[in-house]
Amino acid sequence: MATVFEMIRDGVIPSVKIYEDELCFVILDLSPVNKGHALVISKECKPTFTEIEDATLHHMINVAKKVDGKMREVLKADGTNIMINNGPASGQEVPHLHIHVIPRFSGDGKTFVFPSKEKYEEGEMAKYGEILKI
């Protein structure tokens, strides 16, 4: 079954597109954190950034950077949140790679704070550092 983003890509579901090229398109989110919240969506349906071609991911990041610049210029955003929810455990609702670009304004009252912070036990951070070395 096609994802909602494939249906938007194919024109089955209407959207407000603000950019499109051969690799991706950008739409406004229907449930924005702030008005202007945009999604940079790959045209190829791959669920996560680990599955998409590197060149496509790099291109999408460059497009997100352009969207960020436009938000700062036109909306006078003081900053942006650039987010990828990568897999269901991270909160990804649509299994199709997309990058959120959310305009932020000083004093907008929105926060992206994780509710609890874990602490490493003595020596544990070094162990994680060792097993996660690339």
N, C-alpha and C. Protein backbone atom coordinates (compact mmCIF):
# COMPACT_ATOMS: atom_id res chain seq x y z
N MET A 1 0.84 -1.19 0.00
CA MET A 1 0.00 0.00 0.00
C MET A 1 0.88 1.25 0.00
N ALA A 2 0.48 2.23 -0.76
CA ALA A 2 1.25 3.47 -0.88
C ALA A 2 1.18 4.28 0.41
N THR A 3 2.28 4.95 0.73
CA THR A 3 2.28 5.84 1.88
C THR A 3 1.54 7.13 1.51
N VAL A 4 1.17 7.89 2.52
CA VAL A 4 0.51 9.17 2.28
C VAL A 4 1.42 10.09 1.46
N PHE A 5 2.74 9.99 1.66
CA PHE A 5 3.65 10.84 0.90
C PHE A 5 3.73 10.41 -0.57
N GLU A 6 3.62 9.12 -0.85
CA GLU A 6 3.57 8.67 -2.24
C GLU A 6 2.29 9.18 -2.90
N MET A 7 1.19 9.17 -2.17
CA MET A 7 -0.08 9.66 -2.72
C MET A 7 -0.02 11.17 -2.96
N ILE A 8 0.66 11.89 -2.08
CA ILE A 8 0.86 13.33 -2.30
C ILE A 8 1.77 13.54 -3.51
N ARG A 9 2.88 12.79 -3.55
CA ARG A 9 3.82 12.87 -4.68
C ARG A 9 3.11 12.66 -6.02
N ASP A 10 2.19 11.67 -6.04
CA ASP A 10 1.51 11.30 -7.27
C ASP A 10 0.25 12.13 -7.55
N GLY A 11 -0.05 13.10 -6.69
CA GLY A 11 -1.19 13.98 -6.91
C GLY A 11 -2.53 13.40 -6.49
N VAL A 12 -2.53 12.26 -5.82
CA VAL A 12 -3.78 11.64 -5.37
C VAL A 12 -4.36 12.42 -4.18
N ILE A 13 -3.47 12.91 -3.31
CA ILE A 13 -3.86 13.73 -2.16
C ILE A 13 -3.31 15.12 -2.40
N PRO A 14 -4.15 16.15 -2.26
CA PRO A 14 -3.67 17.51 -2.49
C PRO A 14 -2.72 17.96 -1.37
N SER A 15 -1.85 18.89 -1.73
CA SER A 15 -0.91 19.46 -0.76
C SER A 15 -0.52 20.85 -1.23
N VAL A 16 0.16 21.56 -0.36
CA VAL A 16 0.76 22.83 -0.76
C VAL A 16 2.25 22.58 -0.89
N LYS A 17 2.70 22.46 -2.15
CA LYS A 17 4.12 22.23 -2.43
C LYS A 17 4.82 23.57 -2.54
N ILE A 18 5.98 23.65 -1.89
CA ILE A 18 6.77 24.88 -2.00
C ILE A 18 8.07 24.65 -2.76
N TYR A 19 8.35 23.38 -3.12
CA TYR A 19 9.55 23.06 -3.89
C TYR A 19 9.39 21.65 -4.44
N GLU A 20 10.01 21.41 -5.61
CA GLU A 20 10.04 20.07 -6.17
C GLU A 20 11.17 19.97 -7.17
N ASP A 21 11.85 18.83 -7.16
CA ASP A 21 12.86 18.51 -8.17
C ASP A 21 12.81 17.01 -8.42
N GLU A 22 13.83 16.47 -9.09
CA GLU A 22 13.79 15.06 -9.47
C GLU A 22 13.97 14.09 -8.29
N LEU A 23 14.51 14.58 -7.15
CA LEU A 23 14.78 13.71 -6.01
C LEU A 23 13.84 13.88 -4.82
N CYS A 24 13.29 15.08 -4.67
CA CYS A 24 12.46 15.34 -3.50
C CYS A 24 11.46 16.45 -3.77
N PHE A 25 10.55 16.60 -2.81
CA PHE A 25 9.60 17.71 -2.86
C PHE A 25 9.39 18.20 -1.44
N VAL A 26 8.89 19.43 -1.32
CA VAL A 26 8.67 20.04 -0.01
C VAL A 26 7.23 20.50 0.06
N ILE A 27 6.56 20.09 1.15
CA ILE A 27 5.18 20.50 1.37
C ILE A 27 5.06 21.14 2.75
N LEU A 28 3.98 21.88 2.93
CA LEU A 28 3.66 22.39 4.26
C LEU A 28 2.97 21.29 5.04
N ASP A 29 3.34 21.14 6.31
CA ASP A 29 2.76 20.13 7.19
C ASP A 29 1.33 20.53 7.54
N LEU A 30 0.41 19.55 7.47
CA LEU A 30 -1.00 19.82 7.80
C LEU A 30 -1.22 20.12 9.27
N SER A 31 -0.34 19.65 10.14
CA SER A 31 -0.44 19.90 11.58
C SER A 31 0.86 20.54 12.05
N PRO A 32 1.04 21.81 11.71
CA PRO A 32 2.34 22.43 11.98
C PRO A 32 2.58 22.73 13.45
N VAL A 33 3.85 22.61 13.84
CA VAL A 33 4.27 23.07 15.16
C VAL A 33 4.12 24.59 15.20
N ASN A 34 4.61 25.25 14.16
CA ASN A 34 4.39 26.67 13.90
C ASN A 34 4.01 26.79 12.44
N LYS A 35 3.27 27.81 12.09
CA LYS A 35 2.88 28.02 10.70
C LYS A 35 4.13 28.14 9.83
N GLY A 36 4.12 27.43 8.71
CA GLY A 36 5.27 27.38 7.83
C GLY A 36 6.06 26.09 7.96
N HIS A 37 5.75 25.28 8.98
CA HIS A 37 6.41 23.98 9.21
C HIS A 37 6.35 23.20 7.89
N ALA A 38 7.52 22.80 7.39
CA ALA A 38 7.61 22.14 6.09
C ALA A 38 8.23 20.75 6.23
N LEU A 39 7.94 19.90 5.25
CA LEU A 39 8.50 18.56 5.18
C LEU A 39 9.23 18.40 3.85
N VAL A 40 10.50 18.05 3.93
CA VAL A 40 11.30 17.73 2.75
C VAL A 40 11.19 16.21 2.60
N ILE A 41 10.59 15.75 1.50
CA ILE A 41 10.24 14.34 1.33
C ILE A 41 10.94 13.76 0.11
N SER A 42 11.56 12.61 0.30
CA SER A 42 12.19 11.94 -0.84
C SER A 42 11.12 11.44 -1.79
N LYS A 43 11.38 11.51 -3.07
CA LYS A 43 10.43 10.95 -4.04
C LYS A 43 10.45 9.43 -4.01
N GLU A 44 11.63 8.87 -3.74
CA GLU A 44 11.74 7.42 -3.61
C GLU A 44 11.28 7.04 -2.20
N CYS A 45 10.43 6.04 -2.12
CA CYS A 45 9.89 5.63 -0.82
C CYS A 45 10.85 4.68 -0.12
N LYS A 46 11.67 5.24 0.73
CA LYS A 46 12.54 4.47 1.63
C LYS A 46 12.18 4.93 3.04
N PRO A 47 11.97 3.99 3.95
CA PRO A 47 11.50 4.38 5.28
C PRO A 47 12.45 5.25 6.09
N THR A 48 13.76 4.97 6.03
CA THR A 48 14.68 5.69 6.91
C THR A 48 15.89 6.20 6.14
N PHE A 49 16.64 7.07 6.81
CA PHE A 49 17.80 7.64 6.12
C PHE A 49 18.92 6.63 5.95
N THR A 50 18.88 5.52 6.67
CA THR A 50 19.89 4.49 6.47
C THR A 50 19.62 3.69 5.20
N GLU A 51 18.43 3.78 4.66
CA GLU A 51 18.05 3.01 3.47
C GLU A 51 18.08 3.83 2.18
N ILE A 52 18.15 5.13 2.29
CA ILE A 52 18.13 5.99 1.10
C ILE A 52 19.56 6.14 0.55
N GLU A 53 19.68 6.39 -0.72
CA GLU A 53 20.99 6.63 -1.32
C GLU A 53 21.64 7.86 -0.66
N ASP A 54 22.94 7.79 -0.44
CA ASP A 54 23.65 8.91 0.18
C ASP A 54 23.45 10.21 -0.60
N ALA A 55 23.53 10.13 -1.92
CA ALA A 55 23.39 11.34 -2.74
C ALA A 55 22.02 11.98 -2.54
N THR A 56 20.99 11.17 -2.41
CA THR A 56 19.64 11.70 -2.19
C THR A 56 19.54 12.35 -0.82
N LEU A 57 20.08 11.70 0.20
CA LEU A 57 20.06 12.27 1.54
C LEU A 57 20.81 13.60 1.59
N HIS A 58 21.98 13.65 0.97
CA HIS A 58 22.76 14.89 0.94
C HIS A 58 21.97 15.99 0.23
N HIS A 59 21.33 15.63 -0.86
CA HIS A 59 20.52 16.60 -1.60
C HIS A 59 19.37 17.12 -0.73
N MET A 60 18.70 16.21 -0.03
CA MET A 60 17.58 16.62 0.83
C MET A 60 18.04 17.57 1.94
N ILE A 61 19.22 17.31 2.49
CA ILE A 61 19.76 18.21 3.52
C ILE A 61 20.01 19.60 2.92
N ASN A 62 20.54 19.64 1.70
CA ASN A 62 20.75 20.93 1.04
C ASN A 62 19.43 21.65 0.79
N VAL A 63 18.40 20.91 0.41
CA VAL A 63 17.07 21.53 0.22
C VAL A 63 16.54 22.04 1.56
N ALA A 64 16.70 21.26 2.62
CA ALA A 64 16.27 21.71 3.95
C ALA A 64 16.97 23.01 4.34
N LYS A 65 18.24 23.12 3.98
CA LYS A 65 19.00 24.35 4.26
C LYS A 65 18.39 25.54 3.52
N LYS A 66 17.96 25.33 2.27
CA LYS A 66 17.31 26.40 1.51
C LYS A 66 15.97 26.79 2.13
N VAL A 67 15.22 25.78 2.58
CA VAL A 67 13.93 26.06 3.24
C VAL A 67 14.18 26.86 4.51
N ASP A 68 15.19 26.47 5.28
CA ASP A 68 15.57 27.21 6.49
C ASP A 68 15.84 28.67 6.16
N GLY A 69 16.63 28.90 5.12
CA GLY A 69 16.95 30.28 4.73
C GLY A 69 15.73 31.08 4.35
N LYS A 70 14.82 30.45 3.63
CA LYS A 70 13.59 31.13 3.22
C LYS A 70 12.73 31.48 4.43
N MET A 71 12.66 30.55 5.41
CA MET A 71 11.88 30.81 6.63
C MET A 71 12.46 31.98 7.41
N ARG A 72 13.78 32.05 7.48
CA ARG A 72 14.42 33.15 8.19
C ARG A 72 14.19 34.48 7.46
N GLU A 73 14.22 34.43 6.14
CA GLU A 73 14.05 35.64 5.33
C GLU A 73 12.60 36.13 5.34
N VAL A 74 11.67 35.24 5.01
CA VAL A 74 10.28 35.65 4.78
C VAL A 74 9.45 35.66 6.06
N LEU A 75 9.61 34.62 6.88
CA LEU A 75 8.83 34.53 8.12
C LEU A 75 9.52 35.24 9.28
N LYS A 76 10.76 35.64 9.06
CA LYS A 76 11.58 36.25 10.11
C LYS A 76 11.77 35.30 11.29
N ALA A 77 11.91 34.01 10.97
CA ALA A 77 12.16 33.00 12.00
C ALA A 77 13.50 33.29 12.67
N ASP A 78 13.52 33.14 13.98
CA ASP A 78 14.76 33.34 14.74
C ASP A 78 15.65 32.11 14.70
N GLY A 79 15.06 30.97 14.33
CA GLY A 79 15.78 29.71 14.26
C GLY A 79 14.87 28.67 13.65
N THR A 80 15.37 27.45 13.55
CA THR A 80 14.56 26.35 13.05
C THR A 80 14.94 25.08 13.79
N ASN A 81 14.01 24.16 13.82
CA ASN A 81 14.32 22.79 14.20
C ASN A 81 14.37 22.00 12.91
N ILE A 82 15.46 21.28 12.71
CA ILE A 82 15.61 20.39 11.56
C ILE A 82 15.61 18.98 12.16
N MET A 83 14.61 18.18 11.82
CA MET A 83 14.43 16.89 12.49
C MET A 83 14.13 15.76 11.51
N ILE A 84 14.70 14.60 11.81
CA ILE A 84 14.33 13.36 11.12
C ILE A 84 13.96 12.36 12.21
N ASN A 85 12.72 11.92 12.20
CA ASN A 85 12.33 10.81 13.06
C ASN A 85 12.64 9.56 12.25
N ASN A 86 13.58 8.77 12.73
CA ASN A 86 14.15 7.68 11.94
C ASN A 86 13.73 6.33 12.51
N GLY A 87 12.55 5.87 12.08
CA GLY A 87 12.01 4.60 12.56
C GLY A 87 10.90 4.80 13.58
N PRO A 88 10.00 3.84 13.71
CA PRO A 88 8.85 3.97 14.60
C PRO A 88 9.21 4.28 16.05
N ALA A 89 10.30 3.73 16.57
CA ALA A 89 10.67 3.97 17.97
C ALA A 89 11.02 5.44 18.22
N SER A 90 11.36 6.17 17.15
CA SER A 90 11.71 7.59 17.28
C SER A 90 10.51 8.51 17.12
N GLY A 91 9.35 7.92 16.83
CA GLY A 91 8.15 8.73 16.61
C GLY A 91 7.79 8.92 15.15
N GLN A 92 8.50 8.25 14.25
CA GLN A 92 8.18 8.36 12.83
C GLN A 92 6.82 7.72 12.57
N GLU A 93 5.89 8.50 12.04
CA GLU A 93 4.53 8.02 11.80
C GLU A 93 4.32 7.52 10.38
N VAL A 94 5.03 8.10 9.42
CA VAL A 94 4.92 7.68 8.03
C VAL A 94 6.23 7.01 7.63
N PRO A 95 6.19 5.75 7.20
CA PRO A 95 7.41 5.03 6.86
C PRO A 95 7.97 5.44 5.49
N HIS A 96 8.31 6.71 5.37
CA HIS A 96 8.81 7.30 4.13
C HIS A 96 9.68 8.47 4.57
N LEU A 97 10.96 8.44 4.22
CA LEU A 97 11.92 9.44 4.71
C LEU A 97 11.43 10.87 4.45
N HIS A 98 11.46 11.66 5.52
CA HIS A 98 11.16 13.08 5.41
C HIS A 98 11.89 13.85 6.50
N ILE A 99 12.19 15.09 6.19
CA ILE A 99 12.89 15.98 7.11
C ILE A 99 11.95 17.11 7.48
N HIS A 100 11.73 17.29 8.77
CA HIS A 100 10.93 18.42 9.25
C HIS A 100 11.81 19.67 9.29
N VAL A 101 11.30 20.77 8.78
CA VAL A 101 11.95 22.07 8.94
C VAL A 101 10.89 22.96 9.60
N ILE A 102 11.14 23.26 10.86
CA ILE A 102 10.13 23.95 11.67
C ILE A 102 10.64 25.35 12.03
N PRO A 103 9.93 26.39 11.57
CA PRO A 103 10.37 27.74 11.94
C PRO A 103 10.13 27.98 13.43
N ARG A 104 11.11 28.61 14.06
CA ARG A 104 11.02 28.89 15.49
C ARG A 104 11.19 30.38 15.72
N PHE A 105 10.51 30.85 16.74
CA PHE A 105 10.52 32.26 17.06
C PHE A 105 10.80 32.42 18.55
N SER A 106 11.64 33.38 18.88
CA SER A 106 11.93 33.62 20.29
C SER A 106 10.63 33.84 21.04
N GLY A 107 10.46 33.10 22.12
CA GLY A 107 9.27 33.25 22.94
C GLY A 107 8.05 32.54 22.40
N ASP A 108 8.20 31.62 21.42
CA ASP A 108 7.02 30.95 20.86
C ASP A 108 6.43 29.91 21.82
N GLY A 109 7.13 29.63 22.91
CA GLY A 109 6.60 28.71 23.92
C GLY A 109 6.69 27.25 23.56
N LYS A 110 7.28 26.92 22.42
CA LYS A 110 7.40 25.53 22.00
C LYS A 110 8.74 24.99 22.48
N THR A 111 8.75 23.76 22.92
CA THR A 111 10.01 23.14 23.33
C THR A 111 10.10 21.74 22.76
N PHE A 112 11.30 21.30 22.53
CA PHE A 112 11.57 19.92 22.14
C PHE A 112 12.54 19.35 23.17
N VAL A 113 11.99 19.05 24.32
CA VAL A 113 12.80 18.56 25.42
C VAL A 113 12.39 17.12 25.70
N PHE A 114 13.37 16.25 25.77
CA PHE A 114 13.08 14.87 26.13
C PHE A 114 12.80 14.82 27.62
N PRO A 115 11.77 14.08 28.03
CA PRO A 115 11.29 14.14 29.42
C PRO A 115 12.29 13.67 30.48
N SER A 116 13.12 12.71 30.19
CA SER A 116 14.07 12.27 31.21
C SER A 116 15.43 12.08 30.58
N LYS A 117 16.44 12.29 31.37
CA LYS A 117 17.80 12.13 30.89
C LYS A 117 18.44 11.02 31.71
N GLU A 118 19.00 10.07 31.01
CA GLU A 118 19.70 8.99 31.69
C GLU A 118 21.08 9.46 32.10
N LYS A 119 21.65 8.76 33.04
CA LYS A 119 23.01 9.04 33.49
C LYS A 119 23.83 7.77 33.34
N TYR A 120 25.07 7.94 32.95
CA TYR A 120 25.99 6.81 32.86
C TYR A 120 26.51 6.47 34.24
N GLU A 121 26.65 5.19 34.50
CA GLU A 121 27.32 4.73 35.71
C GLU A 121 28.82 4.92 35.51
N GLU A 122 29.57 4.83 36.59
CA GLU A 122 31.03 4.97 36.53
C GLU A 122 31.61 4.02 35.48
N GLY A 123 32.34 4.54 34.51
CA GLY A 123 33.00 3.75 33.49
C GLY A 123 32.12 3.34 32.33
N GLU A 124 30.82 3.55 32.44
CA GLU A 124 29.89 3.09 31.41
C GLU A 124 30.01 3.91 30.11
N MET A 125 30.24 5.21 30.24
CA MET A 125 30.36 6.05 29.05
C MET A 125 31.53 5.60 28.19
N ALA A 126 32.65 5.25 28.82
CA ALA A 126 33.81 4.77 28.07
C ALA A 126 33.47 3.49 27.33
N LYS A 127 32.69 2.60 27.94
CA LYS A 127 32.30 1.35 27.28
C LYS A 127 31.43 1.64 26.05
N TYR A 128 30.46 2.55 26.20
CA TYR A 128 29.63 2.92 25.06
C TYR A 128 30.49 3.55 23.97
N GLY A 129 31.42 4.39 24.38
CA GLY A 129 32.32 5.03 23.41
C GLY A 129 33.10 3.99 22.62
N GLU A 130 33.53 2.96 23.30
CA GLU A 130 34.31 1.92 22.63
C GLU A 130 33.47 1.12 21.65
N ILE A 131 32.28 0.69 22.05
CA ILE A 131 31.47 -0.15 21.16
C ILE A 131 30.83 0.64 20.02
N LEU A 132 30.74 1.96 20.16
CA LEU A 132 30.12 2.77 19.11
C LEU A 132 31.13 3.43 18.16
N LYS A 133 32.41 3.18 18.37
CA LYS A 133 33.43 3.77 17.47
C LYS A 133 33.20 3.30 16.04
N ILE A 134 33.37 4.21 15.14
CA ILE A 134 33.16 3.92 13.72
C ILE A 134 34.51 3.78 13.04
